[in-house]
Protein backbone atom coordinates (compact mmCIF):
# COMPACT_ATOMS: atom_id res chain seq x y z
CA UNK A 1 0.00 0.00 0.00
CA UNK A 2 2.77 2.35 0.89
CA UNK A 3 4.63 1.61 -2.32
CA UNK A 4 1.59 2.37 -4.48
CA UNK A 5 1.08 5.66 -2.62
CA UNK A 6 4.73 6.66 -3.17
CA UNK A 7 4.52 5.70 -6.84
CA UNK A 8 1.33 7.75 -7.29
CA UNK A 9 2.86 10.82 -5.62
CA UNK A 10 6.02 10.44 -7.73
CA UNK A 11 3.96 10.09 -10.91
CA UNK A 12 1.94 13.20 -10.07
CA UNK A 13 5.08 15.18 -9.23
CA UNK A 14 6.81 14.19 -12.46
CA UNK A 15 3.75 14.82 -14.63
CA UNK A 16 4.33 18.55 -14.24
CA UNK A 17 7.77 18.18 -15.86
CA UNK A 18 6.48 16.69 -19.12
CA UNK A 19 6.65 18.92 -22.18
CA UNK A 20 3.07 19.52 -23.26
CA UNK A 21 3.76 20.22 -26.97
CA UNK A 22 7.02 18.54 -27.93
CA UNK A 23 6.86 19.71 -31.57
CA UNK A 24 6.45 23.43 -30.84
CA UNK A 25 9.30 25.90 -30.56
CA UNK A 26 9.59 27.94 -27.37
CA UNK A 27 7.98 31.36 -27.35
CA UNK A 28 10.43 34.16 -28.18
CA UNK A 29 11.26 36.61 -25.43
CA UNK A 30 9.79 40.07 -25.99
CA UNK A 31 12.37 42.67 -26.90
CA UNK A 32 12.30 46.38 -26.37
CA UNK A 33 12.45 48.68 -29.41
CA UNK A 34 15.95 49.89 -30.26
CA UNK A 35 16.97 53.20 -28.77
CA UNK A 36 17.85 55.97 -31.23
CA UNK A 37 21.52 56.04 -32.03
CA UNK A 38 23.49 58.70 -30.21
CA UNK A 39 25.30 59.26 -33.49
CA UNK A 40 22.19 60.96 -34.92
CA UNK A 41 22.11 63.50 -32.10
CA UNK A 42 25.83 64.19 -32.44
CA UNK A 43 25.54 64.61 -36.21
CA UNK A 44 22.62 67.00 -35.82
CA UNK A 45 24.46 69.13 -33.26
CA UNK A 46 27.65 69.11 -35.33
CA UNK A 47 25.71 70.19 -38.43
CA UNK A 48 24.35 73.25 -36.60
CA UNK A 49 27.83 74.24 -35.41
CA UNK A 50 29.43 73.64 -38.83
CA UNK A 51 26.67 75.71 -40.49
CA UNK A 52 27.43 78.55 -38.10
CA UNK A 53 31.18 78.35 -38.75
CA UNK A 54 30.76 78.13 -42.53
CA UNK A 55 28.34 81.09 -42.53
CA UNK A 56 30.94 83.15 -40.66
CA UNK A 57 33.63 82.34 -43.25
CA UNK A 58 31.67 82.25 -46.52
CA UNK A 59 29.21 84.85 -47.72
CA UNK A 60 27.13 85.00 -50.86
CA UNK A 61 26.66 81.24 -51.13
CA UNK A 62 24.19 78.68 -49.93
CA UNK A 63 26.33 77.08 -47.23
CA UNK A 64 24.35 73.82 -47.01
CA UNK A 65 26.48 72.05 -49.67
CA UNK A 66 29.65 73.22 -47.92
CA UNK A 67 28.38 71.87 -44.63
CA UNK A 68 27.56 68.58 -46.36
CA UNK A 69 31.18 68.39 -47.58
CA UNK A 70 32.54 68.92 -44.08
CA UNK A 71 30.12 66.38 -42.61
CA UNK A 72 31.02 63.80 -45.27
CA UNK A 73 34.75 64.17 -44.63
CA UNK A 74 34.64 64.15 -40.83
CA UNK A 75 34.90 61.05 -38.69
CA UNK A 76 32.33 60.36 -35.96
CA UNK A 77 34.92 61.24 -33.32
CA UNK A 78 35.66 64.55 -35.04
CA UNK A 79 31.95 65.37 -35.16
CA UNK A 80 31.68 64.58 -31.45
CA UNK A 81 34.72 66.79 -30.83
CA UNK A 82 33.08 69.67 -32.71
CA UNK A 83 30.01 69.47 -30.49
CA UNK A 84 32.02 69.49 -27.26
CA UNK A 85 34.96 71.70 -28.20
CA UNK A 86 35.43 75.13 -26.72
CA UNK A 87 37.03 76.07 -30.07
CA UNK A 88 34.91 74.52 -32.84
CA UNK A 89 36.48 76.88 -35.40
CA UNK A 90 39.77 74.99 -35.20
CA UNK A 91 38.08 71.60 -35.40
CA UNK A 92 36.14 72.65 -38.51
CA UNK A 93 39.27 74.24 -40.03
CA UNK A 94 41.19 70.96 -39.71
CA UNK A 95 38.49 69.13 -41.67
CA UNK A 96 38.17 71.91 -44.28
CA UNK A 97 41.96 71.87 -44.84
CA UNK A 98 41.89 68.29 -46.13
CA UNK A 99 42.27 67.92 -49.90
CA UNK A 100 39.09 65.85 -50.27
CA UNK A 101 37.05 68.41 -48.33
CA UNK A 102 38.57 71.30 -50.28
CA UNK A 103 37.77 69.60 -53.58
CA UNK A 104 34.20 68.92 -52.47
CA UNK A 105 33.74 72.55 -51.42
CA UNK A 106 35.24 73.78 -54.71
CA UNK A 107 32.84 71.57 -56.66
CA UNK A 108 29.90 72.79 -54.56
CA UNK A 109 30.93 76.42 -55.12
CA UNK A 110 31.22 75.86 -58.87
CA UNK A 111 27.81 74.21 -58.93
CA UNK A 112 26.42 77.14 -56.97
CA UNK A 113 27.71 79.52 -59.62
CA UNK A 114 26.35 77.31 -62.39
CA UNK A 115 29.79 76.12 -63.53
CA UNK A 116 29.51 72.45 -62.60
C-alpha atoms as a PDB file:
ATOM      1  CA  UNK A   1       0.000   0.000   0.000  1.00  0.00           C
ATOM      2  CA  UNK A   2       2.772   2.346   0.894  1.00  0.00           C
ATOM      3  CA  UNK A   3       4.629   1.615  -2.321  1.00  0.00           C
ATOM      4  CA  UNK A   4       1.594   2.369  -4.484  1.00  0.00           C
ATOM      5  CA  UNK A   5       1.079   5.662  -2.623  1.00  0.00           C
ATOM      6  CA  UNK A   6       4.730   6.658  -3.171  1.00  0.00           C
ATOM      7  CA  UNK A   7       4.515   5.699  -6.841  1.00  0.00           C
ATOM      8  CA  UNK A   8       1.329   7.747  -7.288  1.00  0.00           C
ATOM      9  CA  UNK A   9       2.858  10.815  -5.620  1.00  0.00           C
ATOM     10  CA  UNK A  10       6.017  10.438  -7.725  1.00  0.00           C
ATOM     11  CA  UNK A  11       3.958  10.092 -10.910  1.00  0.00           C
ATOM     12  CA  UNK A  12       1.944  13.203 -10.074  1.00  0.00           C
ATOM     13  CA  UNK A  13       5.083  15.178  -9.231  1.00  0.00           C
ATOM     14  CA  UNK A  14       6.805  14.186 -12.457  1.00  0.00           C
ATOM     15  CA  UNK A  15       3.753  14.819 -14.632  1.00  0.00           C
ATOM     16  CA  UNK A  16       4.327  18.553 -14.237  1.00  0.00           C
ATOM     17  CA  UNK A  17       7.769  18.177 -15.863  1.00  0.00           C
ATOM     18  CA  UNK A  18       6.476  16.694 -19.117  1.00  0.00           C
ATOM     19  CA  UNK A  19       6.651  18.924 -22.183  1.00  0.00           C
ATOM     20  CA  UNK A  20       3.070  19.520 -23.257  1.00  0.00           C
ATOM     21  CA  UNK A  21       3.755  20.225 -26.972  1.00  0.00           C
ATOM     22  CA  UNK A  22       7.017  18.540 -27.932  1.00  0.00           C
ATOM     23  CA  UNK A  23       6.862  19.714 -31.568  1.00  0.00           C
ATOM     24  CA  UNK A  24       6.452  23.434 -30.837  1.00  0.00           C
ATOM     25  CA  UNK A  25       9.299  25.901 -30.559  1.00  0.00           C
ATOM     26  CA  UNK A  26       9.594  27.940 -27.373  1.00  0.00           C
ATOM     27  CA  UNK A  27       7.980  31.364 -27.351  1.00  0.00           C
ATOM     28  CA  UNK A  28      10.431  34.160 -28.180  1.00  0.00           C
ATOM     29  CA  UNK A  29      11.260  36.606 -25.428  1.00  0.00           C
ATOM     30  CA  UNK A  30       9.786  40.068 -25.988  1.00  0.00           C
ATOM     31  CA  UNK A  31      12.372  42.673 -26.899  1.00  0.00           C
ATOM     32  CA  UNK A  32      12.302  46.381 -26.369  1.00  0.00           C
ATOM     33  CA  UNK A  33      12.452  48.679 -29.406  1.00  0.00           C
ATOM     34  CA  UNK A  34      15.946  49.887 -30.261  1.00  0.00           C
ATOM     35  CA  UNK A  35      16.969  53.199 -28.774  1.00  0.00           C
ATOM     36  CA  UNK A  36      17.847  55.966 -31.231  1.00  0.00           C
ATOM     37  CA  UNK A  37      21.521  56.043 -32.033  1.00  0.00           C
ATOM     38  CA  UNK A  38      23.492  58.702 -30.207  1.00  0.00           C
ATOM     39  CA  UNK A  39      25.296  59.264 -33.488  1.00  0.00           C
ATOM     40  CA  UNK A  40      22.185  60.955 -34.918  1.00  0.00           C
ATOM     41  CA  UNK A  41      22.109  63.501 -32.100  1.00  0.00           C
ATOM     42  CA  UNK A  42      25.831  64.187 -32.438  1.00  0.00           C
ATOM     43  CA  UNK A  43      25.544  64.613 -36.213  1.00  0.00           C
ATOM     44  CA  UNK A  44      22.621  67.004 -35.821  1.00  0.00           C
ATOM     45  CA  UNK A  45      24.459  69.133 -33.261  1.00  0.00           C
ATOM     46  CA  UNK A  46      27.646  69.113 -35.326  1.00  0.00           C
ATOM     47  CA  UNK A  47      25.709  70.190 -38.430  1.00  0.00           C
ATOM     48  CA  UNK A  48      24.347  73.251 -36.597  1.00  0.00           C
ATOM     49  CA  UNK A  49      27.827  74.239 -35.411  1.00  0.00           C
ATOM     50  CA  UNK A  50      29.426  73.641 -38.826  1.00  0.00           C
ATOM     51  CA  UNK A  51      26.669  75.705 -40.486  1.00  0.00           C
ATOM     52  CA  UNK A  52      27.429  78.552 -38.102  1.00  0.00           C
ATOM     53  CA  UNK A  53      31.184  78.347 -38.752  1.00  0.00           C
ATOM     54  CA  UNK A  54      30.760  78.133 -42.534  1.00  0.00           C
ATOM     55  CA  UNK A  55      28.340  81.087 -42.531  1.00  0.00           C
ATOM     56  CA  UNK A  56      30.938  83.149 -40.664  1.00  0.00           C
ATOM     57  CA  UNK A  57      33.635  82.341 -43.251  1.00  0.00           C
ATOM     58  CA  UNK A  58      31.672  82.255 -46.521  1.00  0.00           C
ATOM     59  CA  UNK A  59      29.211  84.854 -47.719  1.00  0.00           C
ATOM     60  CA  UNK A  60      27.133  85.000 -50.863  1.00  0.00           C
ATOM     61  CA  UNK A  61      26.665  81.241 -51.133  1.00  0.00           C
ATOM     62  CA  UNK A  62      24.192  78.682 -49.929  1.00  0.00           C
ATOM     63  CA  UNK A  63      26.334  77.076 -47.230  1.00  0.00           C
ATOM     64  CA  UNK A  64      24.351  73.818 -47.006  1.00  0.00           C
ATOM     65  CA  UNK A  65      26.484  72.048 -49.674  1.00  0.00           C
ATOM     66  CA  UNK A  66      29.654  73.216 -47.923  1.00  0.00           C
ATOM     67  CA  UNK A  67      28.383  71.871 -44.628  1.00  0.00           C
ATOM     68  CA  UNK A  68      27.562  68.579 -46.363  1.00  0.00           C
ATOM     69  CA  UNK A  69      31.176  68.395 -47.577  1.00  0.00           C
ATOM     70  CA  UNK A  70      32.542  68.921 -44.080  1.00  0.00           C
ATOM     71  CA  UNK A  71      30.117  66.381 -42.612  1.00  0.00           C
ATOM     72  CA  UNK A  72      31.022  63.798 -45.266  1.00  0.00           C
ATOM     73  CA  UNK A  73      34.753  64.169 -44.632  1.00  0.00           C
ATOM     74  CA  UNK A  74      34.638  64.151 -40.826  1.00  0.00           C
ATOM     75  CA  UNK A  75      34.902  61.048 -38.688  1.00  0.00           C
ATOM     76  CA  UNK A  76      32.333  60.364 -35.961  1.00  0.00           C
ATOM     77  CA  UNK A  77      34.918  61.238 -33.315  1.00  0.00           C
ATOM     78  CA  UNK A  78      35.658  64.551 -35.043  1.00  0.00           C
ATOM     79  CA  UNK A  79      31.949  65.372 -35.162  1.00  0.00           C
ATOM     80  CA  UNK A  80      31.679  64.583 -31.454  1.00  0.00           C
ATOM     81  CA  UNK A  81      34.717  66.792 -30.826  1.00  0.00           C
ATOM     82  CA  UNK A  82      33.081  69.670 -32.714  1.00  0.00           C
ATOM     83  CA  UNK A  83      30.010  69.465 -30.491  1.00  0.00           C
ATOM     84  CA  UNK A  84      32.016  69.487 -27.256  1.00  0.00           C
ATOM     85  CA  UNK A  85      34.956  71.695 -28.198  1.00  0.00           C
ATOM     86  CA  UNK A  86      35.431  75.131 -26.722  1.00  0.00           C
ATOM     87  CA  UNK A  87      37.034  76.070 -30.068  1.00  0.00           C
ATOM     88  CA  UNK A  88      34.907  74.516 -32.836  1.00  0.00           C
ATOM     89  CA  UNK A  89      36.484  76.883 -35.405  1.00  0.00           C
ATOM     90  CA  UNK A  90      39.771  74.989 -35.199  1.00  0.00           C
ATOM     91  CA  UNK A  91      38.079  71.601 -35.403  1.00  0.00           C
ATOM     92  CA  UNK A  92      36.144  72.649 -38.514  1.00  0.00           C
ATOM     93  CA  UNK A  93      39.273  74.243 -40.025  1.00  0.00           C
ATOM     94  CA  UNK A  94      41.187  70.962 -39.712  1.00  0.00           C
ATOM     95  CA  UNK A  95      38.487  69.134 -41.673  1.00  0.00           C
ATOM     96  CA  UNK A  96      38.173  71.906 -44.281  1.00  0.00           C
ATOM     97  CA  UNK A  97      41.960  71.871 -44.838  1.00  0.00           C
ATOM     98  CA  UNK A  98      41.885  68.290 -46.129  1.00  0.00           C
ATOM     99  CA  UNK A  99      42.273  67.916 -49.898  1.00  0.00           C
ATOM    100  CA  UNK A 100      39.091  65.849 -50.270  1.00  0.00           C
ATOM    101  CA  UNK A 101      37.048  68.406 -48.334  1.00  0.00           C
ATOM    102  CA  UNK A 102      38.571  71.297 -50.276  1.00  0.00           C
ATOM    103  CA  UNK A 103      37.769  69.602 -53.581  1.00  0.00           C
ATOM    104  CA  UNK A 104      34.205  68.918 -52.465  1.00  0.00           C
ATOM    105  CA  UNK A 105      33.735  72.554 -51.417  1.00  0.00           C
ATOM    106  CA  UNK A 106      35.239  73.779 -54.711  1.00  0.00           C
ATOM    107  CA  UNK A 107      32.835  71.568 -56.663  1.00  0.00           C
ATOM    108  CA  UNK A 108      29.904  72.789 -54.564  1.00  0.00           C
ATOM    109  CA  UNK A 109      30.927  76.421 -55.117  1.00  0.00           C
ATOM    110  CA  UNK A 110      31.222  75.861 -58.871  1.00  0.00           C
ATOM    111  CA  UNK A 111      27.811  74.205 -58.928  1.00  0.00           C
ATOM    112  CA  UNK A 112      26.418  77.144 -56.969  1.00  0.00           C
ATOM    113  CA  UNK A 113      27.713  79.523 -59.623  1.00  0.00           C
ATOM    114  CA  UNK A 114      26.353  77.305 -62.386  1.00  0.00           C
ATOM    115  CA  UNK A 115      29.790  76.121 -63.531  1.00  0.00           C
ATOM    116  CA  UNK A 116      29.508  72.455 -62.598  1.00  0.00           C
END
